[in-house]
PDB file of N, CA and C in Angstrom:
ATOM      1  N   UNK A   1      19.684  15.652  -4.544  1.00  0.00           N
ATOM      2  CA  UNK A   1      18.791  15.559  -3.701  1.00  0.00           C
ATOM      3  C   UNK A   1      18.801  13.678  -3.379  1.00  0.00           C
ATOM      4  N   UNK A   2      17.698  13.467  -2.445  1.00  0.00           N
ATOM      5  CA  UNK A   2      17.776  11.933  -2.064  1.00  0.00           C
ATOM      6  C   UNK A   2      16.762  11.072  -2.887  1.00  0.00           C
ATOM      7  N   UNK A   3      16.882   9.788  -2.866  1.00  0.00           N
ATOM      8  CA  UNK A   3      15.970   8.697  -3.400  1.00  0.00           C
ATOM      9  C   UNK A   3      15.331   8.648  -2.276  1.00  0.00           C
ATOM     10  N   UNK A   4      13.725   8.597  -2.231  1.00  0.00           N
ATOM     11  CA  UNK A   4      13.100   8.141  -0.851  1.00  0.00           C
ATOM     12  C   UNK A   4      11.883   7.145  -1.424  1.00  0.00           C
ATOM     13  N   UNK A   5      12.125   6.189  -0.848  1.00  0.00           N
ATOM     14  CA  UNK A   5      10.896   5.088  -0.721  1.00  0.00           C
ATOM     15  C   UNK A   5      10.027   5.158   0.269  1.00  0.00           C
ATOM     16  N   UNK A   6       8.827   5.255  -0.184  1.00  0.00           N
ATOM     17  CA  UNK A   6       7.624   5.392   0.809  1.00  0.00           C
ATOM     18  C   UNK A   6       6.712   4.250   0.555  1.00  0.00           C
ATOM     19  N   UNK A   7       6.525   3.575   1.479  1.00  0.00           N
ATOM     20  CA  UNK A   7       5.454   2.399   1.532  1.00  0.00           C
ATOM     21  C   UNK A   7       3.942   2.629   2.329  1.00  0.00           C
ATOM     22  N   UNK A   8       3.135   2.059   1.680  1.00  0.00           N
ATOM     23  CA  UNK A   8       1.593   2.263   2.216  1.00  0.00           C
ATOM     24  C   UNK A   8       0.686   1.287   1.623  1.00  0.00           C
ATOM     25  N   UNK A   9      -0.618   1.911   1.914  1.00  0.00           N
ATOM     26  CA  UNK A   9      -1.773   0.848   1.444  1.00  0.00           C
ATOM     27  C   UNK A   9      -2.802   1.895   0.800  1.00  0.00           C
ATOM     28  N   UNK A  10      -2.273   2.645  -0.221  1.00  0.00           N
ATOM     29  CA  UNK A  10      -3.257   3.469  -0.669  1.00  0.00           C
ATOM     30  C   UNK A  10      -4.025   2.897  -1.781  1.00  0.00           C
ATOM     31  N   UNK A  11      -3.509   2.103  -2.482  1.00  0.00           N
ATOM     32  CA  UNK A  11      -4.467   1.383  -3.562  1.00  0.00           C
ATOM     33  C   UNK A  11      -5.366   0.144  -2.966  1.00  0.00           C
ATOM     34  N   UNK A  12      -4.976  -0.437  -2.161  1.00  0.00           N
ATOM     35  CA  UNK A  12      -5.673  -1.545  -1.316  1.00  0.00           C
ATOM     36  C   UNK A  12      -6.837  -0.947  -0.515  1.00  0.00           C
ATOM     37  N   UNK A  13      -6.847   0.424   0.226  1.00  0.00           N
ATOM     38  CA  UNK A  13      -7.662   0.995   0.759  1.00  0.00           C
ATOM     39  C   UNK A  13      -7.813   2.424   0.455  1.00  0.00           C
ATOM     40  N   UNK A  14      -8.649   2.596  -0.782  1.00  0.00           N
ATOM     41  CA  UNK A  14      -8.735   3.893  -1.432  1.00  0.00           C
ATOM     42  C   UNK A  14      -9.711   4.809  -0.633  1.00  0.00           C
ATOM     43  N   UNK A  15      -9.586   5.283   0.673  1.00  0.00           N
ATOM     44  CA  UNK A  15     -10.512   6.148   1.159  1.00  0.00           C
ATOM     45  C   UNK A  15      -9.697   7.427   1.254  1.00  0.00           C
ATOM     46  N   UNK A  16     -10.394   8.712   1.115  1.00  0.00           N
ATOM     47  CA  UNK A  16      -9.976   9.879   1.154  1.00  0.00           C
ATOM     48  C   UNK A  16      -8.651  10.042   2.484  1.00  0.00           C
ATOM     49  N   UNK A  17      -9.141  10.071   3.518  1.00  0.00           N
ATOM     50  CA  UNK A  17      -8.198  10.251   4.450  1.00  0.00           C
ATOM     51  C   UNK A  17      -6.916   9.490   4.347  1.00  0.00           C
ATOM     52  N   UNK A  18      -7.045   8.088   4.058  1.00  0.00           N
ATOM     53  CA  UNK A  18      -5.962   7.320   3.791  1.00  0.00           C
ATOM     54  C   UNK A  18      -5.070   7.636   2.707  1.00  0.00           C
ATOM     55  N   UNK A  19      -5.662   7.865   1.918  1.00  0.00           N
ATOM     56  CA  UNK A  19      -5.004   7.930   0.524  1.00  0.00           C
ATOM     57  C   UNK A  19      -4.125   9.474   0.666  1.00  0.00           C
ATOM     58  N   UNK A  20      -4.787  10.378   1.252  1.00  0.00           N
ATOM     59  CA  UNK A  20      -4.077  11.777   1.304  1.00  0.00           C
ATOM     60  C   UNK A  20      -3.247  11.583   2.595  1.00  0.00           C
ATOM     61  N   UNK A  21      -3.161  10.676   3.508  1.00  0.00           N
ATOM     62  CA  UNK A  21      -2.232  10.607   4.303  1.00  0.00           C
ATOM     63  C   UNK A  21      -0.757  10.217   3.565  1.00  0.00           C
ATOM     64  N   UNK A  22      -0.995   9.520   2.725  1.00  0.00           N
ATOM     65  CA  UNK A  22       0.295   8.959   1.880  1.00  0.00           C
ATOM     66  C   UNK A  22       0.733  10.196   0.980  1.00  0.00           C
ATOM     67  N   UNK A  23      -0.318  10.671   0.096  1.00  0.00           N
ATOM     68  CA  UNK A  23      -0.030  11.453  -0.841  1.00  0.00           C
ATOM     69  C   UNK A  23       0.692  12.683  -0.574  1.00  0.00           C
ATOM     70  N   UNK A  24       0.418  13.423   0.813  1.00  0.00           N
ATOM     71  CA  UNK A  24       0.896  14.615   1.193  1.00  0.00           C
ATOM     72  C   UNK A  24       2.540  14.290   1.194  1.00  0.00           C
ATOM     73  N   UNK A  25       2.950  13.082   1.507  1.00  0.00           N
ATOM     74  CA  UNK A  25       4.347  13.055   1.681  1.00  0.00           C
ATOM     75  C   UNK A  25       5.043  12.860   0.244  1.00  0.00           C
ATOM     76  N   UNK A  26       4.459  12.167  -0.553  1.00  0.00           N
ATOM     77  CA  UNK A  26       4.884  12.018  -1.905  1.00  0.00           C
ATOM     78  C   UNK A  26       4.847  13.279  -2.772  1.00  0.00           C
ATOM     79  N   UNK A  27       3.993  14.193  -2.470  1.00  0.00           N
ATOM     80  CA  UNK A  27       3.872  15.422  -3.004  1.00  0.00           C
ATOM     81  C   UNK A  27       5.022  16.511  -2.612  1.00  0.00           C
ATOM     82  N   UNK A  28       5.201  16.156  -1.255  1.00  0.00           N
ATOM     83  CA  UNK A  28       6.221  17.130  -0.135  1.00  0.00           C
ATOM     84  C   UNK A  28       7.380  16.932  -0.705  1.00  0.00           C
ATOM     85  N   UNK A  29       7.931  15.850  -0.876  1.00  0.00           N
ATOM     86  CA  UNK A  29       9.115  15.159  -1.029  1.00  0.00           C
ATOM     87  C   UNK A  29       9.516  15.453  -2.513  1.00  0.00           C
ATOM     88  N   UNK A  30       8.508  15.212  -3.333  1.00  0.00           N
ATOM     89  CA  UNK A  30       8.935  15.688  -4.735  1.00  0.00           C
ATOM     90  C   UNK A  30       9.102  17.177  -4.876  1.00  0.00           C
ATOM     91  N   UNK A  31       8.195  18.130  -4.199  1.00  0.00           N
ATOM     92  CA  UNK A  31       8.399  19.469  -4.277  1.00  0.00           C
ATOM     93  C   UNK A  31       9.790  19.959  -3.640  1.00  0.00           C
ATOM     94  N   UNK A  32      10.380  18.897  -2.897  1.00  0.00           N
ATOM     95  CA  UNK A  32      11.537  19.471  -2.403  1.00  0.00           C
ATOM     96  C   UNK A  32      12.742  19.083  -3.173  1.00  0.00           C
ATOM     97  N   UNK A  33      12.404  18.536  -4.219  1.00  0.00           N
ATOM     98  CA  UNK A  33      13.467  18.248  -5.350  1.00  0.00           C
ATOM     99  C   UNK A  33      13.904  16.594  -4.872  1.00  0.00           C
ATOM    100  N   UNK A  34      13.203  15.820  -4.323  1.00  0.00           N
ATOM    101  CA  UNK A  34      13.583  14.589  -4.077  1.00  0.00           C
ATOM    102  C   UNK A  34      13.046  13.421  -5.231  1.00  0.00           C
ATOM    103  N   UNK A  35      13.503  12.411  -5.334  1.00  0.00           N
ATOM    104  CA  UNK A  35      13.169  11.486  -6.206  1.00  0.00           C
ATOM    105  C   UNK A  35      12.311  10.345  -5.362  1.00  0.00           C
ATOM    106  N   UNK A  36      10.908  10.298  -5.442  1.00  0.00           N
ATOM    107  CA  UNK A  36       9.991   9.628  -4.730  1.00  0.00           C
ATOM    108  C   UNK A  36       9.512   8.418  -5.419  1.00  0.00           C
ATOM    109  N   UNK A  37       9.792   7.152  -4.689  1.00  0.00           N
ATOM    110  CA  UNK A  37       9.038   5.801  -5.202  1.00  0.00           C
ATOM    111  C   UNK A  37       8.053   5.696  -4.020  1.00  0.00           C
ATOM    112  N   UNK A  38       6.853   4.838  -4.537  1.00  0.00           N
ATOM    113  CA  UNK A  38       5.708   4.648  -3.432  1.00  0.00           C
ATOM    114  C   UNK A  38       5.672   3.289  -3.908  1.00  0.00           C
ATOM    115  N   UNK A  39       5.533   2.399  -2.983  1.00  0.00           N
ATOM    116  CA  UNK A  39       5.577   1.043  -2.822  1.00  0.00           C
ATOM    117  C   UNK A  39       4.455   0.366  -2.310  1.00  0.00           C
ATOM    118  N   UNK A  40       3.200   0.242  -2.806  1.00  0.00           N
ATOM    119  CA  UNK A  40       2.349  -0.460  -2.219  1.00  0.00           C
ATOM    120  C   UNK A  40       2.659  -2.010  -1.286  1.00  0.00           C
ATOM    121  N   UNK A  41       2.423  -1.800  -0.036  1.00  0.00           N
ATOM    122  CA  UNK A  41       2.441  -2.958   0.798  1.00  0.00           C
ATOM    123  C   UNK A  41       1.918  -4.117   0.429  1.00  0.00           C
ATOM    124  N   UNK A  42       2.513  -5.338   0.557  1.00  0.00           N
ATOM    125  CA  UNK A  42       1.707  -6.701   0.092  1.00  0.00           C
ATOM    126  C   UNK A  42       0.527  -6.791   0.858  1.00  0.00           C
ATOM    127  N   UNK A  43      -0.398  -7.441   0.517  1.00  0.00           N
ATOM    128  CA  UNK A  43      -1.678  -7.774   1.157  1.00  0.00           C
ATOM    129  C   UNK A  43      -1.753  -9.210   1.454  1.00  0.00           C
ATOM    130  N   UNK A  44      -3.020  -9.540   1.436  1.00  0.00           N
ATOM    131  CA  UNK A  44      -3.500 -10.814   1.883  1.00  0.00           C
ATOM    132  C   UNK A  44      -4.510 -11.227   0.534  1.00  0.00           C
ATOM    133  N   UNK A  45      -5.058 -12.193   0.328  1.00  0.00           N
ATOM    134  CA  UNK A  45      -6.133 -12.525  -0.350  1.00  0.00           C
ATOM    135  C   UNK A  45      -7.138 -11.527  -0.179  1.00  0.00           C
ATOM    136  N   UNK A  46      -7.593 -10.998  -1.101  1.00  0.00           N
ATOM    137  CA  UNK A  46      -9.004 -10.127  -1.152  1.00  0.00           C
ATOM    138  C   UNK A  46      -8.650  -9.112  -0.321  1.00  0.00           C
ATOM    139  N   UNK A  47      -7.652  -8.446  -0.273  1.00  0.00           N
ATOM    140  CA  UNK A  47      -7.362  -7.221   0.545  1.00  0.00           C
ATOM    141  C   UNK A  47      -7.564  -5.768  -0.449  1.00  0.00           C
ATOM    142  N   UNK A  48      -7.979  -6.041  -1.515  1.00  0.00           N
ATOM    143  CA  UNK A  48      -8.405  -4.640  -2.310  1.00  0.00           C
ATOM    144  C   UNK A  48      -9.832  -4.247  -1.933  1.00  0.00           C
ATOM    145  N   UNK A  49     -10.066  -3.025  -1.619  1.00  0.00           N
ATOM    146  CA  UNK A  49     -11.339  -2.603  -1.176  1.00  0.00           C
ATOM    147  C   UNK A  49     -11.855  -1.604  -2.294  1.00  0.00           C
ATOM    148  N   UNK A  50     -13.102  -1.999  -2.759  1.00  0.00           N
ATOM    149  CA  UNK A  50     -13.795  -1.063  -3.981  1.00  0.00           C
ATOM    150  C   UNK A  50     -14.883  -0.284  -3.035  1.00  0.00           C
ATOM    151  N   UNK A  51     -14.591   1.258  -2.796  1.00  0.00           N
ATOM    152  CA  UNK A  51     -15.721   1.797  -2.113  1.00  0.00           C
ATOM    153  C   UNK A  51     -17.118   1.974  -2.789  1.00  0.00           C
ATOM    154  N   UNK A  52     -17.045   1.824  -4.098  1.00  0.00           N
ATOM    155  CA  UNK A  52     -18.175   1.850  -5.089  1.00  0.00           C
ATOM    156  C   UNK A  52     -19.319   0.808  -4.739  1.00  0.00           C
ATOM    157  N   UNK A  53     -18.606  -0.489  -4.670  1.00  0.00           N
ATOM    158  CA  UNK A  53     -19.385  -1.860  -4.404  1.00  0.00           C
ATOM    159  C   UNK A  53     -19.398  -2.160  -3.099  1.00  0.00           C
ATOM    160  N   UNK A  54     -18.485  -1.637  -2.116  1.00  0.00           N
ATOM    161  CA  UNK A  54     -18.316  -1.962  -0.772  1.00  0.00           C
ATOM    162  C   UNK A  54     -17.851  -3.354  -0.747  1.00  0.00           C
ATOM    163  N   UNK A  55     -16.910  -3.741  -1.779  1.00  0.00           N
ATOM    164  CA  UNK A  55     -16.509  -5.192  -1.541  1.00  0.00           C
ATOM    165  C   UNK A  55     -14.956  -5.448  -1.557  1.00  0.00           C
ATOM    166  N   UNK A  56     -14.375  -6.321  -0.785  1.00  0.00           N
ATOM    167  CA  UNK A  56     -13.156  -6.551  -0.875  1.00  0.00           C
ATOM    168  C   UNK A  56     -13.011  -7.464  -2.026  1.00  0.00           C
ATOM    169  N   UNK A  57     -11.913  -7.423  -2.810  1.00  0.00           N
ATOM    170  CA  UNK A  57     -11.422  -8.608  -3.812  1.00  0.00           C
ATOM    171  C   UNK A  57      -9.823  -8.592  -4.129  1.00  0.00           C
ATOM    172  N   UNK A  58      -9.579  -9.155  -5.136  1.00  0.00           N
ATOM    173  CA  UNK A  58      -8.031  -8.988  -5.558  1.00  0.00           C
ATOM    174  C   UNK A  58      -7.833  -8.001  -6.594  1.00  0.00           C
ATOM    175  N   UNK A  59      -8.958  -7.418  -6.957  1.00  0.00           N
ATOM    176  CA  UNK A  59      -8.725  -6.271  -8.125  1.00  0.00           C
ATOM    177  C   UNK A  59      -8.221  -5.062  -7.700  1.00  0.00           C
ATOM    178  N   UNK A  60      -6.917  -4.451  -7.871  1.00  0.00           N
ATOM    179  CA  UNK A  60      -6.663  -3.376  -7.451  1.00  0.00           C
ATOM    180  C   UNK A  60      -7.164  -2.175  -8.394  1.00  0.00           C
ATOM    181  N   UNK A  61      -7.869  -2.384  -9.495  1.00  0.00           N
ATOM    182  CA  UNK A  61      -8.326  -1.284 -10.449  1.00  0.00           C
ATOM    183  C   UNK A  61      -8.861  -0.005  -9.742  1.00  0.00           C
ATOM    184  N   UNK A  62      -9.764  -0.521  -8.839  1.00  0.00           N
ATOM    185  CA  UNK A  62     -10.570   0.867  -8.232  1.00  0.00           C
ATOM    186  C   UNK A  62      -9.511   1.682  -7.515  1.00  0.00           C
ATOM    187  N   UNK A  63      -8.725   1.126  -6.810  1.00  0.00           N
ATOM    188  CA  UNK A  63      -7.676   1.913  -5.933  1.00  0.00           C
ATOM    189  C   UNK A  63      -6.804   2.375  -6.973  1.00  0.00           C
ATOM    190  N   UNK A  64      -6.264   1.899  -8.074  1.00  0.00           N
ATOM    191  CA  UNK A  64      -5.307   2.450  -8.863  1.00  0.00           C
ATOM    192  C   UNK A  64      -6.062   3.656  -9.450  1.00  0.00           C
ATOM    193  N   UNK A  65      -7.009   3.436  -9.829  1.00  0.00           N
ATOM    194  CA  UNK A  65      -7.780   4.510 -10.746  1.00  0.00           C
ATOM    195  C   UNK A  65      -8.072   5.872  -9.529  1.00  0.00           C
ATOM    196  N   UNK A  66      -8.400   5.645  -8.323  1.00  0.00           N
ATOM    197  CA  UNK A  66      -8.368   6.675  -7.461  1.00  0.00           C
ATOM    198  C   UNK A  66      -7.079   7.174  -7.119  1.00  0.00           C
ATOM    199  N   UNK A  67      -6.270   6.557  -6.878  1.00  0.00           N
ATOM    200  CA  UNK A  67      -4.845   7.047  -6.456  1.00  0.00           C
ATOM    201  C   UNK A  67      -4.037   7.665  -7.712  1.00  0.00           C
ATOM    202  N   UNK A  68      -4.339   7.420  -9.086  1.00  0.00           N
ATOM    203  CA  UNK A  68      -3.829   8.046 -10.043  1.00  0.00           C
ATOM    204  C   UNK A  68      -4.461   9.235 -10.166  1.00  0.00           C
ATOM    205  N   UNK A  69      -5.684   9.295  -9.915  1.00  0.00           N
ATOM    206  CA  UNK A  69      -6.653  10.726 -10.426  1.00  0.00           C
ATOM    207  C   UNK A  69      -5.841  11.643  -9.283  1.00  0.00           C
ATOM    208  N   UNK A  70      -5.830  11.158  -8.078  1.00  0.00           N
ATOM    209  CA  UNK A  70      -5.451  12.168  -6.911  1.00  0.00           C
ATOM    210  C   UNK A  70      -4.041  12.707  -7.375  1.00  0.00           C
ATOM    211  N   UNK A  71      -2.869  11.836  -7.680  1.00  0.00           N
ATOM    212  CA  UNK A  71      -1.769  12.173  -7.941  1.00  0.00           C
ATOM    213  C   UNK A  71      -1.908  13.040  -8.989  1.00  0.00           C
ATOM    214  N   UNK A  72      -2.367  12.967 -10.207  1.00  0.00           N
ATOM    215  CA  UNK A  72      -2.649  13.972 -11.267  1.00  0.00           C
ATOM    216  C   UNK A  72      -3.035  15.054 -10.636  1.00  0.00           C
ATOM    217  N   UNK A  73      -3.943  15.078 -10.009  1.00  0.00           N
ATOM    218  CA  UNK A  73      -4.556  16.625  -9.781  1.00  0.00           C
ATOM    219  C   UNK A  73      -3.783  17.320  -8.802  1.00  0.00           C
ATOM    220  N   UNK A  74      -2.592  16.587  -7.906  1.00  0.00           N
ATOM    221  CA  UNK A  74      -1.976  17.425  -7.189  1.00  0.00           C
ATOM    222  C   UNK A  74      -0.502  17.584  -7.894  1.00  0.00           C
ATOM    223  N   UNK A  75      -0.366  17.134  -9.261  1.00  0.00           N
ATOM    224  CA  UNK A  75       0.919  17.496 -10.033  1.00  0.00           C
ATOM    225  C   UNK A  75       2.021  16.383  -9.991  1.00  0.00           C
ATOM    226  N   UNK A  76       1.516  15.134  -9.245  1.00  0.00           N
ATOM    227  CA  UNK A  76       2.524  14.213  -9.350  1.00  0.00           C
ATOM    228  C   UNK A  76       2.407  13.134 -10.389  1.00  0.00           C
ATOM    229  N   UNK A  77       3.479  12.763 -11.128  1.00  0.00           N
ATOM    230  CA  UNK A  77       3.176  11.914 -12.451  1.00  0.00           C
ATOM    231  C   UNK A  77       3.596  10.606 -11.635  1.00  0.00           C
ATOM    232  N   UNK A  78       2.455   9.625 -12.078  1.00  0.00           N
ATOM    233  CA  UNK A  78       2.465   8.167 -11.387  1.00  0.00           C
ATOM    234  C   UNK A  78       2.857   7.413 -12.539  1.00  0.00           C
ATOM    235  N   UNK A  79       3.642   6.653 -12.034  1.00  0.00           N
ATOM    236  CA  UNK A  79       4.284   5.423 -13.441  1.00  0.00           C
ATOM    237  C   UNK A  79       4.115   4.090 -12.675  1.00  0.00           C
ATOM    238  N   UNK A  80       2.979   3.168 -13.022  1.00  0.00           N
ATOM    239  CA  UNK A  80       2.719   1.871 -12.663  1.00  0.00           C
ATOM    240  C   UNK A  80       3.947   1.016 -12.865  1.00  0.00           C
ATOM    241  N   UNK A  81       4.348   0.260 -12.048  1.00  0.00           N
ATOM    242  CA  UNK A  81       5.403  -0.880 -12.296  1.00  0.00           C
ATOM    243  C   UNK A  81       4.905  -2.032 -11.472  1.00  0.00           C
ATOM    244  N   UNK A  82       5.003  -3.029 -11.963  1.00  0.00           N
ATOM    245  CA  UNK A  82       4.829  -4.246 -11.206  1.00  0.00           C
ATOM    246  C   UNK A  82       5.993  -5.147 -10.976  1.00  0.00           C
ATOM    247  N   UNK A  83       6.043  -5.794  -9.729  1.00  0.00           N
ATOM    248  CA  UNK A  83       7.100  -6.833  -9.569  1.00  0.00           C
ATOM    249  C   UNK A  83       7.120  -8.346 -10.421  1.00  0.00           C
ATOM    250  N   UNK A  84       5.916  -8.395 -10.536  1.00  0.00           N
ATOM    251  CA  UNK A  84       5.503  -9.950 -11.033  1.00  0.00           C
ATOM    252  C   UNK A  84       5.759  -9.904 -12.548  1.00  0.00           C
TER     253      UNK A  84
END
């Protein structure tokens, strides 16, 4: 099967509709047998939103937690890798 690179902004903007829009592709391509890599598109300063505090910052932790929880619930193994 194919290797697929999917880009988006699930971590920086972890709202349900936004995250699910990308997660459906990740899940679907994996179920079809493809190797899928998701790459968070680069942002700008203070581009990570925390829905709990309603604050933008440079901290991706709230988004990473939300995305990892969702991916785990739909049976997709998430592996975090940083380019820095």
